[in-house]
Amino acid sequence: MSDLDVRDFTTRLQVDSGGFSSRGGSSLEARSVENPSTPLSAGADWMYDVLGAIKSASGIRVNRKTAFTYSPIWRGINLLARDTAKLPLSVYRLSGDRDDAKEPDKEHPAYYLLRRKPNREQTAHAWKMLTMAHAILEGNGYSYIARRGDGTPTEIVPLLPDRTYPVRKDGVLWYVTAVNGELRKIVPEDVLHVKGLGFDGLAGYPLYMFARDSLGCGMAAQKFGAKYFANSTAVGGHIEFPGMLTEIAQRNLRDSFERIHQGLENSHRVAVLEEGAKYVVDGHNARQAQLIELLEFGYVEVSNWLGIPPHKLGYQKASSYASLEQENQAYLDEGLDPWLCNLEGECWDKLLTEEEKQRDSHDILFDRLMLERADTAARGEYFQKALTTGWMCRDEVRARENLNPLPDGEGQKFMTPLNEAIVGDPATLAEPPPPGDGPAEPPAGDGSARSAALETAARRAVADAAARCARRIATHAGRKADPEAWLAGGAVREHRETIEAIAGPALAIAAALWAPGIEPRAFAAALFARAKQGMDEAAIARELTELATPPTH
């Protein structure tokens, strides 16, 4: 927080905090002094929080620090935070003929902040892990977005969740944070707020407060077990003595008995009682108290609060699915992915410009495939299917494995099974040749018929390539603030190679049949020239088709 003082929170934060005082403004009436988001109507529990803990039904007082001493909570929150932190979070520029086509936009100002270093003190991994730990345990993870004068984000600095809270005053939402005891207001556009389940939509509920009875019960069971072993696994009891003992004699007898038999070091020692004394057990042993069952139940309780399978917390007996693979998938779907979507949506809302959001030209997403890297066999099978079915090329697979592309563009080629074809394609509807012992003799005039069919298919391929290329350029131009300037420079630089790759196969057939001099580069140049002339998508596709095909006979 001292670093925030050095930055002075930019000019916008130099607003008087009047009206947000816990003693003054109507928006904060009936709120606690420590945290105005905590109502006084909650009873005396908030006072325990000010003093350091909330009292649970078991008598154990729970706060954010003591909750972490309970191993299932530590394991669960640490697991969700680490798995979120290890996934790359990047800014993507939406591109291509399809809405789901995207590529990383490394020039975007938020890309470096989310992918590498959000602020001067933290890496992206450390920031994501801290934000998620705050959001899960406290219900809210806050970060301040420092910006230049033009609104460009320059840093993302985490804020303490117990000193930051949203306030709606006069119908306007503000965020308030305490810096060195001074309250400061922040506009909501400059606060990245990852919130959990809440009631008013402004803030999430603190997990440790609402789960205090479950956590207190589990912590009490742990404490009971520790005391059980500290007392040599012997339960409480009393010594019956036939005669009368003075108070001093009673104290000496008790102290000497505990000194000899209490503690693990003195376990299983033989007790010697004199003059008719008899030791009587008052309590229950560990089995009678069902200590093991109570400790195991604590894992199930925490798994319910965090929404993750119990085996992820180390409890292997409970299972809701037939296999461990399904359990892991349930963890990804029900436990981790909702938090990923939460952080993605907040970054999209606060780190993209209004123009980028309105045009839907950018998105901020996690790379969820990184979760599968540990399973080598499953990853290999996944990539094998992707390659053989033709929806990924070898360079894309190699990029996923952090390998360099193959030389000479070999990795850009897509494969497809020979026994499959496009549904409805006329080429697939031809009748198969009649069966026989050898190849059938072609009928008279068959050569000319085949040439006509080949030329028709080639024309269709050229027309399809022209339409795809024209649609690609038109789609990207529509997303630009200045389409004419982009067509004059950026379009050629960004899409020439892609246009040549799309049109290359069809033009190769055309070159073999009727236009030996036509090349993909000339085709791409004609495309950009017609786009700069202001021609629409249909006109561009029509002229490109005529350019690459001969007149009909």
Protein backbone atom coordinates (compact mmCIF):
# COMPACT_ATOMS: atom_id res chain seq x y z
CA MET A 1 0.00 0.00 0.00
CA SER A 2 2.94 2.34 0.47
CA ASP A 3 3.59 2.19 -3.25
CA LEU A 4 0.10 3.56 -3.88
CA ASP A 5 1.07 6.63 -1.88
CA VAL A 6 4.09 7.16 -4.13
CA ARG A 7 1.91 7.05 -7.22
CA ASP A 8 -0.52 9.38 -5.43
CA PHE A 9 -3.37 7.44 -7.04
CA THR A 10 -3.39 9.81 -10.07
CA THR A 11 -5.29 13.10 -10.17
CA ARG A 12 -8.73 11.44 -10.17
CA LEU A 13 -8.16 10.01 -6.71
CA GLN A 14 -7.47 13.39 -5.15
CA VAL A 15 -11.15 13.74 -4.25
CA ASP A 16 -12.24 14.67 -0.78
CA SER A 17 -13.55 11.62 1.03
CA GLY A 18 -16.38 13.53 2.66
CA GLY A 19 -19.71 11.73 2.63
CA PHE A 20 -18.02 8.35 2.76
CA SER A 21 -17.13 8.51 6.42
CA SER A 22 -18.60 5.73 8.51
CA ARG A 23 -19.92 8.39 10.89
CA GLY A 24 -21.38 10.78 8.36
CA GLY A 25 -22.84 9.68 5.03
CA SER A 26 -26.26 8.10 4.89
CA SER A 27 -24.93 5.40 2.58
CA LEU A 28 -22.82 4.04 5.41
CA GLU A 29 -25.20 4.33 8.32
CA ALA A 30 -25.40 1.29 10.59
CA ARG A 31 -22.02 0.07 9.41
CA SER A 32 -18.98 -1.04 11.37
CA VAL A 33 -15.99 1.22 11.85
CA GLU A 34 -13.47 -1.38 10.67
CA ASN A 35 -15.27 -2.20 7.43
CA PRO A 36 -18.40 -0.25 6.40
CA SER A 37 -19.57 -3.21 4.34
CA THR A 38 -20.27 -5.07 7.62
CA PRO A 39 -23.66 -4.11 9.17
CA LEU A 40 -23.98 -3.58 12.89
CA SER A 41 -27.29 -5.40 12.74
CA ALA A 42 -25.36 -8.65 12.43
CA GLY A 43 -25.11 -8.66 16.21
CA ALA A 44 -21.85 -8.86 18.12
CA ASP A 45 -20.06 -10.97 15.51
CA TRP A 46 -18.55 -7.91 13.83
CA MET A 47 -16.94 -7.00 17.15
CA TYR A 48 -15.18 -10.35 17.20
CA ASP A 49 -13.95 -9.56 13.70
CA VAL A 50 -12.55 -6.21 14.87
CA LEU A 51 -10.86 -8.00 17.75
CA GLY A 52 -9.49 -10.66 15.42
CA ALA A 53 -11.98 -13.53 15.11
CA ILE A 54 -15.63 -14.54 14.72
CA LYS A 55 -16.94 -16.96 17.32
CA SER A 56 -18.34 -20.19 15.87
CA ALA A 57 -20.88 -22.52 17.43
CA SER A 58 -18.09 -24.88 18.49
CA GLY A 59 -16.43 -22.12 20.49
CA ILE A 60 -13.52 -21.80 18.06
CA ARG A 61 -13.07 -18.25 16.80
CA VAL A 62 -12.50 -18.02 13.06
CA ASN A 63 -10.90 -15.25 11.04
CA ARG A 64 -9.01 -15.04 7.76
CA LYS A 65 -5.77 -16.17 9.39
CA THR A 66 -7.05 -18.98 11.59
CA ALA A 67 -9.10 -20.32 8.67
CA PHE A 68 -5.87 -20.98 6.80
CA THR A 69 -4.62 -23.14 9.68
CA TYR A 70 -7.34 -25.64 8.75
CA SER A 71 -5.66 -27.82 6.12
CA PRO A 72 -8.69 -28.45 3.83
CA ILE A 73 -9.24 -24.68 3.47
CA TRP A 74 -5.56 -24.06 2.79
CA ARG A 75 -5.48 -26.87 0.25
CA GLY A 76 -8.71 -25.86 -1.53
CA ILE A 77 -8.02 -22.13 -1.84
CA ASN A 78 -4.37 -22.71 -2.70
CA LEU A 79 -5.39 -25.22 -5.38
CA LEU A 80 -7.93 -22.92 -7.06
CA ALA A 81 -5.59 -19.92 -6.86
CA ARG A 82 -2.55 -21.82 -8.24
CA ASP A 83 -4.48 -23.43 -11.08
CA THR A 84 -5.85 -20.03 -12.08
CA ALA A 85 -2.41 -18.42 -11.84
CA LYS A 86 -0.68 -20.99 -14.03
CA LEU A 87 -3.04 -20.43 -16.96
CA PRO A 88 -1.92 -17.75 -19.44
CA LEU A 89 -4.38 -14.83 -19.60
CA SER A 90 -4.07 -12.97 -22.90
CA VAL A 91 -5.75 -10.31 -25.00
CA TYR A 92 -6.94 -11.69 -28.35
CA ARG A 93 -7.87 -9.86 -31.53
CA LEU A 94 -10.88 -11.52 -33.16
CA SER A 95 -10.17 -12.17 -36.83
CA GLY A 96 -10.97 -14.36 -39.78
CA ASP A 97 -14.17 -15.46 -41.43
CA ARG A 98 -15.55 -16.94 -38.21
CA ASP A 99 -16.38 -15.18 -34.95
CA ASP A 100 -14.31 -17.70 -32.94
CA ALA A 101 -11.12 -17.10 -34.96
CA LYS A 102 -8.63 -15.17 -32.86
CA GLU A 103 -4.97 -14.34 -32.52
CA PRO A 104 -2.99 -12.81 -29.62
CA ASP A 105 -2.80 -9.03 -29.83
CA LYS A 106 0.66 -8.39 -28.42
CA GLU A 107 0.42 -4.68 -29.27
CA HIS A 108 -2.55 -4.15 -26.96
CA PRO A 109 -1.56 -2.20 -23.80
CA ALA A 110 -3.24 -4.76 -21.51
CA TYR A 111 -1.49 -7.77 -23.09
CA TYR A 112 1.84 -7.28 -21.28
CA LEU A 113 0.10 -6.49 -17.98
CA LEU A 114 -1.98 -9.69 -17.98
CA ARG A 115 0.55 -11.97 -19.64
CA ARG A 116 3.80 -10.91 -17.95
CA LYS A 117 3.94 -8.16 -15.32
CA PRO A 118 0.89 -6.26 -14.05
CA ASN A 119 2.91 -3.99 -11.74
CA ARG A 120 6.46 -3.27 -10.66
CA GLU A 121 6.43 -5.72 -7.72
CA GLN A 122 4.56 -8.75 -9.08
CA THR A 123 4.58 -11.13 -11.98
CA ALA A 124 1.31 -12.10 -13.65
CA HIS A 125 1.37 -15.44 -11.80
CA ALA A 126 1.72 -13.80 -8.38
CA TRP A 127 -1.00 -11.23 -9.10
CA LYS A 128 -3.52 -13.81 -10.33
CA MET A 129 -2.84 -16.08 -7.37
CA LEU A 130 -3.27 -13.26 -4.85
CA THR A 131 -6.42 -11.93 -6.52
CA MET A 132 -8.06 -15.35 -6.54
CA ALA A 133 -7.13 -16.06 -2.91
CA HIS A 134 -8.74 -12.75 -1.90
CA ALA A 135 -11.82 -13.42 -4.03
CA ILE A 136 -12.39 -16.94 -2.69
CA LEU A 137 -11.75 -16.39 1.03
CA GLU A 138 -12.83 -12.75 1.38
CA GLY A 139 -15.47 -12.83 -1.35
CA ASN A 140 -13.79 -9.93 -3.17
CA GLY A 141 -10.51 -9.47 -5.01
CA TYR A 142 -9.71 -5.82 -5.79
CA SER A 143 -7.03 -4.29 -8.00
CA TYR A 144 -6.48 -0.65 -8.92
CA ILE A 145 -5.89 0.11 -12.62
CA ALA A 146 -3.43 2.97 -13.09
CA ARG A 147 -3.87 4.77 -16.42
CA ARG A 148 -2.28 7.43 -18.55
CA GLY A 149 -4.17 10.57 -19.47
CA ASP A 150 -5.65 8.90 -22.56
CA GLY A 151 -7.03 6.01 -20.50
CA THR A 152 -4.34 3.46 -21.46
CA PRO A 153 -3.74 1.04 -18.54
CA THR A 154 -0.18 1.07 -17.24
CA GLU A 155 -0.36 -0.98 -14.03
CA ILE A 156 -2.70 -3.30 -12.15
CA VAL A 157 -2.06 -3.00 -8.40
CA PRO A 158 -3.82 -5.28 -5.87
CA LEU A 159 -5.78 -3.66 -3.03
CA LEU A 160 -6.43 -5.18 0.39
CA PRO A 161 -10.00 -6.56 0.46
CA ASP A 162 -10.53 -5.71 4.12
CA ARG A 163 -9.79 -2.04 3.41
CA THR A 164 -11.62 -1.68 0.10
CA TYR A 165 -15.35 -1.76 -0.57
CA PRO A 166 -17.96 -0.47 -3.04
CA VAL A 167 -20.35 2.31 -2.03
CA ARG A 168 -23.33 3.67 -3.95
CA LYS A 169 -23.87 7.35 -3.13
CA ASP A 170 -26.60 9.45 -4.77
CA GLY A 171 -27.10 6.69 -7.34
CA VAL A 172 -23.42 6.67 -8.37
CA LEU A 173 -21.11 3.73 -7.68
CA TRP A 174 -17.72 4.46 -6.13
CA TYR A 175 -15.02 2.34 -4.59
CA VAL A 176 -13.40 3.38 -1.34
CA THR A 177 -10.03 2.20 -0.07
CA ALA A 178 -8.01 3.10 3.00
CA VAL A 179 -4.44 4.27 2.40
CA ASN A 180 -2.47 4.97 5.60
CA GLY A 181 -5.73 5.54 7.48
CA GLU A 182 -7.12 7.94 4.88
CA LEU A 183 -10.22 7.04 2.84
CA ARG A 184 -9.91 7.63 -0.90
CA LYS A 185 -12.52 7.36 -3.64
CA ILE A 186 -11.91 5.55 -6.92
CA VAL A 187 -14.14 5.52 -9.98
CA PRO A 188 -15.42 1.99 -10.76
CA GLU A 189 -13.74 1.98 -14.19
CA ASP A 190 -10.38 1.93 -12.41
CA VAL A 191 -11.13 -0.98 -10.06
CA LEU A 192 -10.85 -4.55 -11.28
CA HIS A 193 -13.26 -6.33 -8.92
CA VAL A 194 -13.52 -10.13 -8.89
CA LYS A 195 -16.41 -10.93 -6.58
CA GLY A 196 -17.97 -14.14 -5.35
CA LEU A 197 -21.55 -14.87 -4.40
CA GLY A 198 -23.31 -11.88 -2.86
CA PHE A 199 -26.75 -10.40 -2.35
CA ASP A 200 -26.66 -6.81 -3.60
CA GLY A 201 -24.45 -7.37 -6.64
CA LEU A 202 -21.85 -4.94 -5.33
CA ALA A 203 -19.73 -7.24 -3.18
CA GLY A 204 -19.34 -10.92 -2.41
CA TYR A 205 -19.83 -12.62 0.93
CA PRO A 206 -16.67 -13.51 2.93
CA LEU A 207 -16.38 -17.29 2.93
CA TYR A 208 -14.78 -17.56 6.36
CA MET A 209 -17.67 -15.62 7.93
CA PHE A 210 -20.47 -17.69 6.46
CA ALA A 211 -18.63 -21.01 6.87
CA ARG A 212 -17.48 -20.26 10.41
CA ASP A 213 -19.49 -23.07 12.01
CA SER A 214 -18.23 -25.67 9.51
CA LEU A 215 -14.67 -24.43 9.86
CA GLY A 216 -14.97 -24.14 13.63
CA CYS A 217 -16.20 -27.73 13.89
CA GLY A 218 -13.29 -29.03 11.82
CA MET A 219 -10.76 -26.91 13.70
CA ALA A 220 -12.22 -28.10 17.01
CA ALA A 221 -11.82 -31.72 15.88
CA GLN A 222 -8.19 -31.05 15.01
CA LYS A 223 -7.63 -29.41 18.40
CA PHE A 224 -9.33 -32.33 20.14
CA GLY A 225 -7.00 -34.74 18.34
CA ALA A 226 -3.96 -32.71 19.32
CA LYS A 227 -5.03 -32.66 22.97
CA TYR A 228 -5.77 -36.38 22.78
CA PHE A 229 -2.18 -37.14 21.82
CA ALA A 230 -0.76 -34.49 24.14
CA ASN A 231 -2.39 -36.38 27.03
CA SER A 232 -0.84 -39.71 26.01
CA THR A 233 -4.04 -40.70 24.15
CA ALA A 234 -5.65 -41.09 27.56
CA VAL A 235 -9.03 -39.54 28.17
CA GLY A 236 -9.92 -37.61 31.29
CA GLY A 237 -10.72 -39.33 34.55
CA HIS A 238 -10.36 -39.16 38.32
CA ILE A 239 -8.57 -41.04 41.10
CA GLU A 240 -10.73 -42.54 43.80
CA PHE A 241 -9.07 -42.75 47.23
CA PRO A 242 -10.67 -44.56 50.14
CA GLY A 243 -9.51 -42.06 52.72
CA MET A 244 -9.67 -38.31 53.15
CA LEU A 245 -6.95 -36.18 51.57
CA THR A 246 -6.07 -32.62 52.29
CA GLU A 247 -6.11 -30.07 49.48
CA ILE A 248 -2.32 -30.10 49.31
CA ALA A 249 -2.24 -33.90 49.19
CA GLN A 250 -4.81 -33.96 46.39
CA ARG A 251 -2.79 -31.48 44.37
CA ASN A 252 0.45 -33.41 44.91
CA LEU A 253 -1.18 -36.70 43.92
CA ARG A 254 -2.65 -35.23 40.75
CA ASP A 255 0.57 -33.48 39.75
CA SER A 256 2.72 -36.53 40.31
CA PHE A 257 0.34 -38.75 38.34
CA GLU A 258 0.24 -36.33 35.37
CA ARG A 259 4.01 -35.86 35.48
CA ILE A 260 4.60 -39.60 35.14
CA HIS A 261 1.83 -40.50 32.65
CA GLN A 262 0.92 -37.39 30.63
CA GLY A 263 2.41 -36.75 27.14
CA LEU A 264 3.54 -38.93 24.26
CA GLU A 265 6.91 -39.58 25.86
CA ASN A 266 5.18 -41.20 28.85
CA SER A 267 2.61 -43.20 26.90
CA HIS A 268 2.03 -46.85 27.87
CA ARG A 269 3.89 -46.52 31.18
CA VAL A 270 2.62 -48.68 33.98
CA ALA A 271 0.57 -46.85 36.60
CA VAL A 272 1.19 -47.71 40.26
CA LEU A 273 -1.52 -46.65 42.70
CA GLU A 274 -1.10 -47.15 46.46
CA GLU A 275 -3.34 -47.50 49.49
CA GLY A 276 -6.45 -48.57 47.57
CA ALA A 277 -6.43 -45.73 45.06
CA LYS A 278 -8.28 -46.47 41.79
CA TYR A 279 -8.27 -44.59 38.46
CA VAL A 280 -11.74 -44.13 36.89
CA VAL A 281 -12.21 -42.99 33.27
CA ASP A 282 -14.75 -40.17 32.89
CA GLY A 283 -14.70 -39.39 29.16
CA HIS A 284 -14.81 -41.22 25.85
CA ASN A 285 -11.89 -42.52 23.85
CA ALA A 286 -11.13 -41.48 20.27
CA ARG A 287 -13.17 -44.27 18.75
CA GLN A 288 -16.17 -43.53 20.92
CA ALA A 289 -15.89 -39.83 20.07
CA GLN A 290 -15.70 -40.75 16.32
CA LEU A 291 -12.70 -38.46 15.91
CA ILE A 292 -11.64 -39.93 12.56
CA GLU A 293 -15.15 -39.67 11.13
CA LEU A 294 -15.44 -36.07 12.32
CA LEU A 295 -12.12 -35.12 10.71
CA GLU A 296 -13.20 -36.75 7.42
CA PHE A 297 -16.54 -34.95 7.53
CA GLY A 298 -14.64 -31.67 7.65
CA TYR A 299 -13.18 -32.39 4.21
CA VAL A 300 -16.65 -32.95 2.77
CA GLU A 301 -17.91 -29.72 4.34
CA VAL A 302 -15.08 -27.65 2.88
CA SER A 303 -15.54 -29.27 -0.54
CA ASN A 304 -19.18 -28.12 -0.47
CA TRP A 305 -18.22 -24.55 0.41
CA LEU A 306 -15.54 -24.37 -2.30
CA GLY A 307 -17.44 -26.37 -4.94
CA ILE A 308 -14.64 -28.83 -5.64
CA PRO A 309 -14.54 -32.65 -5.29
CA PRO A 310 -13.34 -33.96 -1.88
CA HIS A 311 -10.49 -35.93 -3.46
CA LYS A 312 -8.90 -32.63 -4.50
CA LEU A 313 -8.60 -31.80 -0.79
CA GLY A 314 -6.92 -35.13 -0.02
CA TYR A 315 -10.02 -37.11 0.98
CA GLN A 316 -10.14 -40.19 -1.25
CA LYS A 317 -13.14 -42.05 0.19
CA ALA A 318 -15.94 -39.87 -1.18
CA SER A 319 -16.62 -39.99 -4.91
CA SER A 320 -19.62 -38.91 -6.95
CA TYR A 321 -18.34 -40.18 -10.32
CA ALA A 322 -17.28 -43.51 -11.76
CA SER A 323 -13.66 -42.58 -12.43
CA LEU A 324 -10.96 -40.18 -11.31
CA GLU A 325 -11.00 -38.63 -14.79
CA GLN A 326 -14.64 -37.64 -14.33
CA GLU A 327 -13.86 -36.28 -10.88
CA ASN A 328 -11.10 -34.09 -12.33
CA GLN A 329 -13.43 -32.89 -15.08
CA ALA A 330 -16.02 -31.99 -12.43
CA TYR A 331 -13.35 -29.95 -10.64
CA LEU A 332 -12.59 -28.05 -13.85
CA ASP A 333 -16.24 -27.51 -14.78
CA GLU A 334 -17.79 -26.75 -11.39
CA GLY A 335 -14.91 -25.49 -9.25
CA LEU A 336 -12.31 -23.72 -11.37
CA ASP A 337 -14.00 -22.61 -14.60
CA PRO A 338 -16.58 -20.30 -12.94
CA TRP A 339 -13.73 -18.33 -11.38
CA LEU A 340 -11.90 -18.20 -14.72
CA CYS A 341 -15.02 -16.80 -16.41
CA ASN A 342 -15.40 -14.30 -13.55
CA LEU A 343 -11.88 -12.92 -14.00
CA GLU A 344 -12.14 -12.97 -17.80
CA GLY A 345 -15.34 -10.94 -17.75
CA GLU A 346 -13.98 -8.35 -15.33
CA CYS A 347 -10.79 -7.88 -17.38
CA TRP A 348 -12.86 -7.56 -20.56
CA ASP A 349 -15.01 -4.87 -18.95
CA LYS A 350 -12.21 -2.81 -17.38
CA LEU A 351 -9.20 -3.24 -19.71
CA LEU A 352 -10.75 -2.94 -23.17
CA THR A 353 -11.85 0.36 -24.66
CA GLU A 354 -15.53 1.05 -25.29
CA GLU A 355 -14.89 0.93 -29.03
CA GLU A 356 -13.24 -2.51 -28.75
CA LYS A 357 -16.17 -3.78 -26.72
CA GLN A 358 -18.81 -2.33 -29.05
CA ARG A 359 -17.13 -3.69 -32.18
CA ASP A 360 -16.41 -6.99 -30.44
CA SER A 361 -12.95 -6.83 -31.96
CA HIS A 362 -11.08 -8.10 -28.86
CA ASP A 363 -11.53 -10.59 -26.06
CA ILE A 364 -9.57 -11.56 -22.93
CA LEU A 365 -9.39 -15.31 -22.34
CA PHE A 366 -7.49 -17.95 -20.38
CA ASP A 367 -5.69 -20.73 -22.24
CA ARG A 368 -7.55 -23.64 -20.64
CA LEU A 369 -5.61 -26.26 -22.61
CA MET A 370 -2.72 -25.71 -20.20
CA LEU A 371 -4.74 -27.68 -17.63
CA GLU A 372 -4.26 -30.83 -19.72
CA ARG A 373 -0.48 -30.62 -20.01
CA ALA A 374 0.14 -33.06 -17.15
CA ASP A 375 -1.72 -35.90 -18.90
CA THR A 376 0.71 -36.79 -21.69
CA ALA A 377 -1.35 -39.68 -23.05
CA ALA A 378 -4.58 -37.68 -23.23
CA ARG A 379 -2.77 -34.75 -24.80
CA GLY A 380 -1.16 -36.97 -27.44
CA GLU A 381 -4.51 -38.55 -28.33
CA TYR A 382 -6.14 -35.11 -28.52
CA PHE A 383 -3.52 -33.76 -30.93
CA GLN A 384 -3.56 -36.94 -33.01
CA LYS A 385 -7.29 -36.59 -33.61
CA ALA A 386 -6.87 -32.89 -34.36
CA LEU A 387 -4.24 -33.63 -37.02
CA THR A 388 -5.92 -36.58 -38.70
CA THR A 389 -9.33 -34.93 -38.90
CA GLY A 390 -7.81 -31.77 -40.35
CA TRP A 391 -8.91 -29.06 -37.92
CA MET A 392 -5.36 -28.37 -36.71
CA CYS A 393 -2.06 -28.27 -38.60
CA ARG A 394 1.29 -29.52 -37.31
CA ASP A 395 2.61 -26.02 -36.61
CA GLU A 396 -0.39 -25.30 -34.39
CA VAL A 397 0.25 -28.49 -32.44
CA ARG A 398 3.94 -27.67 -32.14
CA ALA A 399 3.10 -24.20 -30.86
CA ARG A 400 0.99 -25.79 -28.10
CA GLU A 401 4.05 -27.80 -27.09
CA ASN A 402 6.35 -24.74 -27.21
CA LEU A 403 8.15 -26.03 -30.33
CA ASN A 404 9.23 -24.03 -33.36
CA PRO A 405 7.34 -24.31 -36.69
CA LEU A 406 8.53 -26.78 -39.32
CA PRO A 407 10.77 -25.29 -42.03
CA ASP A 408 9.54 -24.22 -45.48
CA GLY A 409 5.91 -23.99 -44.35
CA GLU A 410 5.51 -27.76 -44.14
CA GLY A 411 3.72 -27.47 -40.81
CA GLN A 412 1.01 -25.22 -42.28
CA LYS A 413 -0.49 -28.02 -44.37
CA PHE A 414 -3.73 -29.58 -43.18
CA MET A 415 -4.47 -33.29 -43.46
CA THR A 416 -7.85 -34.90 -44.02
CA PRO A 417 -8.97 -38.57 -44.17
CA LEU A 418 -9.23 -39.93 -47.71
CA ASN A 419 -12.47 -41.75 -46.91
CA GLU A 420 -14.33 -38.55 -46.02
CA ALA A 421 -15.77 -35.75 -48.15
CA ILE A 422 -17.98 -32.72 -47.84
CA VAL A 423 -21.68 -33.53 -47.51
CA GLY A 424 -23.55 -32.50 -50.66
CA ASP A 425 -20.43 -32.01 -52.79
CA PRO A 426 -21.34 -33.04 -56.38
CA ALA A 427 -18.00 -34.83 -56.68
CA THR A 428 -19.10 -37.26 -53.95
CA LEU A 429 -22.44 -38.02 -55.59
CA ALA A 430 -21.02 -39.67 -58.71
CA GLU A 431 -21.86 -43.32 -59.11
CA PRO A 432 -18.92 -45.66 -58.41
CA PRO A 433 -17.56 -47.64 -61.36
CA PRO A 434 -19.09 -51.07 -61.88
CA PRO A 435 -17.22 -53.90 -60.16
CA GLY A 436 -15.10 -56.15 -62.38
CA ASP A 437 -11.90 -58.07 -62.62
CA GLY A 438 -10.01 -55.13 -64.11
CA PRO A 439 -10.39 -51.46 -64.90
CA ALA A 440 -13.43 -50.73 -67.05
CA GLU A 441 -12.89 -49.32 -70.53
CA PRO A 442 -13.91 -45.64 -70.65
CA PRO A 443 -16.85 -45.03 -72.97
CA ALA A 444 -16.48 -42.98 -76.14
CA GLY A 445 -16.24 -39.28 -75.46
CA ASP A 446 -15.43 -39.88 -71.80
CA GLY A 447 -12.29 -37.73 -71.95
CA SER A 448 -14.18 -34.60 -72.93
CA ALA A 449 -16.81 -35.25 -70.25
CA ARG A 450 -14.18 -35.59 -67.61
CA SER A 451 -12.45 -32.42 -68.77
CA ALA A 452 -15.73 -30.52 -68.54
CA ALA A 453 -16.41 -31.89 -65.05
CA LEU A 454 -12.89 -30.98 -63.93
CA GLU A 455 -13.22 -27.46 -65.29
CA THR A 456 -16.58 -27.02 -63.55
CA ALA A 457 -15.11 -28.14 -60.23
CA ALA A 458 -12.12 -25.84 -60.73
CA ARG A 459 -14.38 -22.85 -61.42
CA ARG A 460 -16.32 -23.63 -58.25
CA ALA A 461 -13.09 -23.83 -56.22
CA VAL A 462 -11.89 -20.48 -57.59
CA ALA A 463 -15.24 -18.82 -56.85
CA ASP A 464 -15.26 -20.21 -53.31
CA ALA A 465 -11.70 -18.99 -52.64
CA ALA A 466 -12.56 -15.53 -53.99
CA ALA A 467 -15.65 -15.31 -51.78
CA ARG A 468 -13.72 -16.39 -48.66
CA CYS A 469 -10.94 -13.87 -49.25
CA ALA A 470 -13.37 -11.02 -49.90
CA ARG A 471 -15.38 -11.89 -46.80
CA ARG A 472 -12.24 -11.95 -44.65
CA ILE A 473 -11.12 -8.47 -45.72
CA ALA A 474 -14.64 -7.04 -45.43
CA THR A 475 -15.04 -8.46 -41.90
CA HIS A 476 -11.78 -7.01 -40.64
CA ALA A 477 -12.36 -3.66 -42.32
CA GLY A 478 -15.73 -3.37 -40.57
CA ARG A 479 -14.03 -3.70 -37.17
CA LYS A 480 -11.55 -0.89 -37.74
CA ALA A 481 -12.09 2.69 -36.64
CA ASP A 482 -10.62 3.92 -39.96
CA PRO A 483 -11.20 1.19 -42.59
CA GLU A 484 -9.66 3.22 -45.46
CA ALA A 485 -6.39 3.79 -43.63
CA TRP A 486 -6.26 0.13 -42.64
CA LEU A 487 -6.86 -1.04 -46.22
CA ALA A 488 -4.07 1.24 -47.40
CA GLY A 489 -1.45 -0.28 -45.09
CA GLY A 490 -2.31 -2.72 -42.33
CA ALA A 491 -4.50 -5.03 -44.40
CA VAL A 492 -1.70 -5.99 -46.80
CA ARG A 493 0.78 -6.54 -43.99
CA GLU A 494 -1.56 -8.60 -41.83
CA HIS A 495 -3.47 -10.69 -44.34
CA ARG A 496 -1.47 -11.08 -47.55
CA GLU A 497 0.04 -14.44 -46.58
CA THR A 498 -3.33 -15.73 -45.39
CA ILE A 499 -5.05 -14.65 -48.62
CA GLU A 500 -2.36 -16.35 -50.68
CA ALA A 501 -2.76 -19.55 -48.62
CA ILE A 502 -6.55 -19.56 -49.01
CA ALA A 503 -6.47 -19.01 -52.77
CA GLY A 504 -3.32 -21.04 -53.50
CA PRO A 505 -4.85 -24.53 -54.07
CA ALA A 506 -7.65 -23.26 -56.35
CA LEU A 507 -5.24 -21.08 -58.35
CA ALA A 508 -2.86 -24.02 -58.78
CA ILE A 509 -5.65 -25.99 -60.46
CA ALA A 510 -6.57 -22.97 -62.59
CA ALA A 511 -2.92 -22.56 -63.63
CA ALA A 512 -2.75 -26.21 -64.69
CA LEU A 513 -5.96 -26.00 -66.76
CA TRP A 514 -6.18 -22.60 -68.40
CA ALA A 515 -4.09 -19.81 -66.77
CA PRO A 516 -0.44 -20.86 -66.46
CA GLY A 517 0.71 -17.38 -65.48
CA ILE A 518 -1.66 -16.74 -62.57
CA GLU A 519 -0.09 -16.58 -59.06
CA PRO A 520 -1.50 -16.22 -55.54
CA ARG A 521 0.48 -12.99 -55.00
CA ALA A 522 -1.17 -11.32 -58.03
CA PHE A 523 -4.55 -12.57 -56.82
CA ALA A 524 -3.97 -11.00 -53.38
CA ALA A 525 -2.79 -7.74 -54.92
CA ALA A 526 -5.96 -7.55 -57.01
CA LEU A 527 -8.05 -8.20 -53.89
CA PHE A 528 -6.51 -5.32 -51.92
CA ALA A 529 -6.69 -2.98 -54.92
CA ARG A 530 -10.42 -3.55 -55.36
CA ALA A 531 -11.04 -3.23 -51.62
CA LYS A 532 -9.31 0.18 -51.56
CA GLN A 533 -11.58 1.28 -54.41
CA GLY A 534 -14.53 0.91 -52.06
CA MET A 535 -16.07 -2.12 -53.75
CA ASP A 536 -18.36 -4.24 -51.61
CA GLU A 537 -17.77 -7.87 -50.73
CA ALA A 538 -19.94 -9.35 -53.50
CA ALA A 539 -18.39 -7.17 -56.22
CA ILE A 540 -14.86 -8.04 -55.10
CA ALA A 541 -15.62 -11.76 -55.12
CA ARG A 542 -17.20 -11.52 -58.58
CA GLU A 543 -14.26 -9.66 -60.14
CA LEU A 544 -11.68 -11.96 -58.57
CA THR A 545 -13.54 -14.98 -59.93
CA GLU A 546 -13.59 -13.47 -63.43
CA LEU A 547 -9.89 -12.63 -63.15
CA ALA A 548 -8.92 -16.23 -62.36
CA THR A 549 -11.29 -18.07 -64.75
CA PRO A 550 -11.58 -17.99 -68.52
CA PRO A 551 -14.76 -16.99 -70.36
CA THR A 552 -17.31 -19.78 -70.62
CA HIS A 553 -17.31 -21.65 -73.91
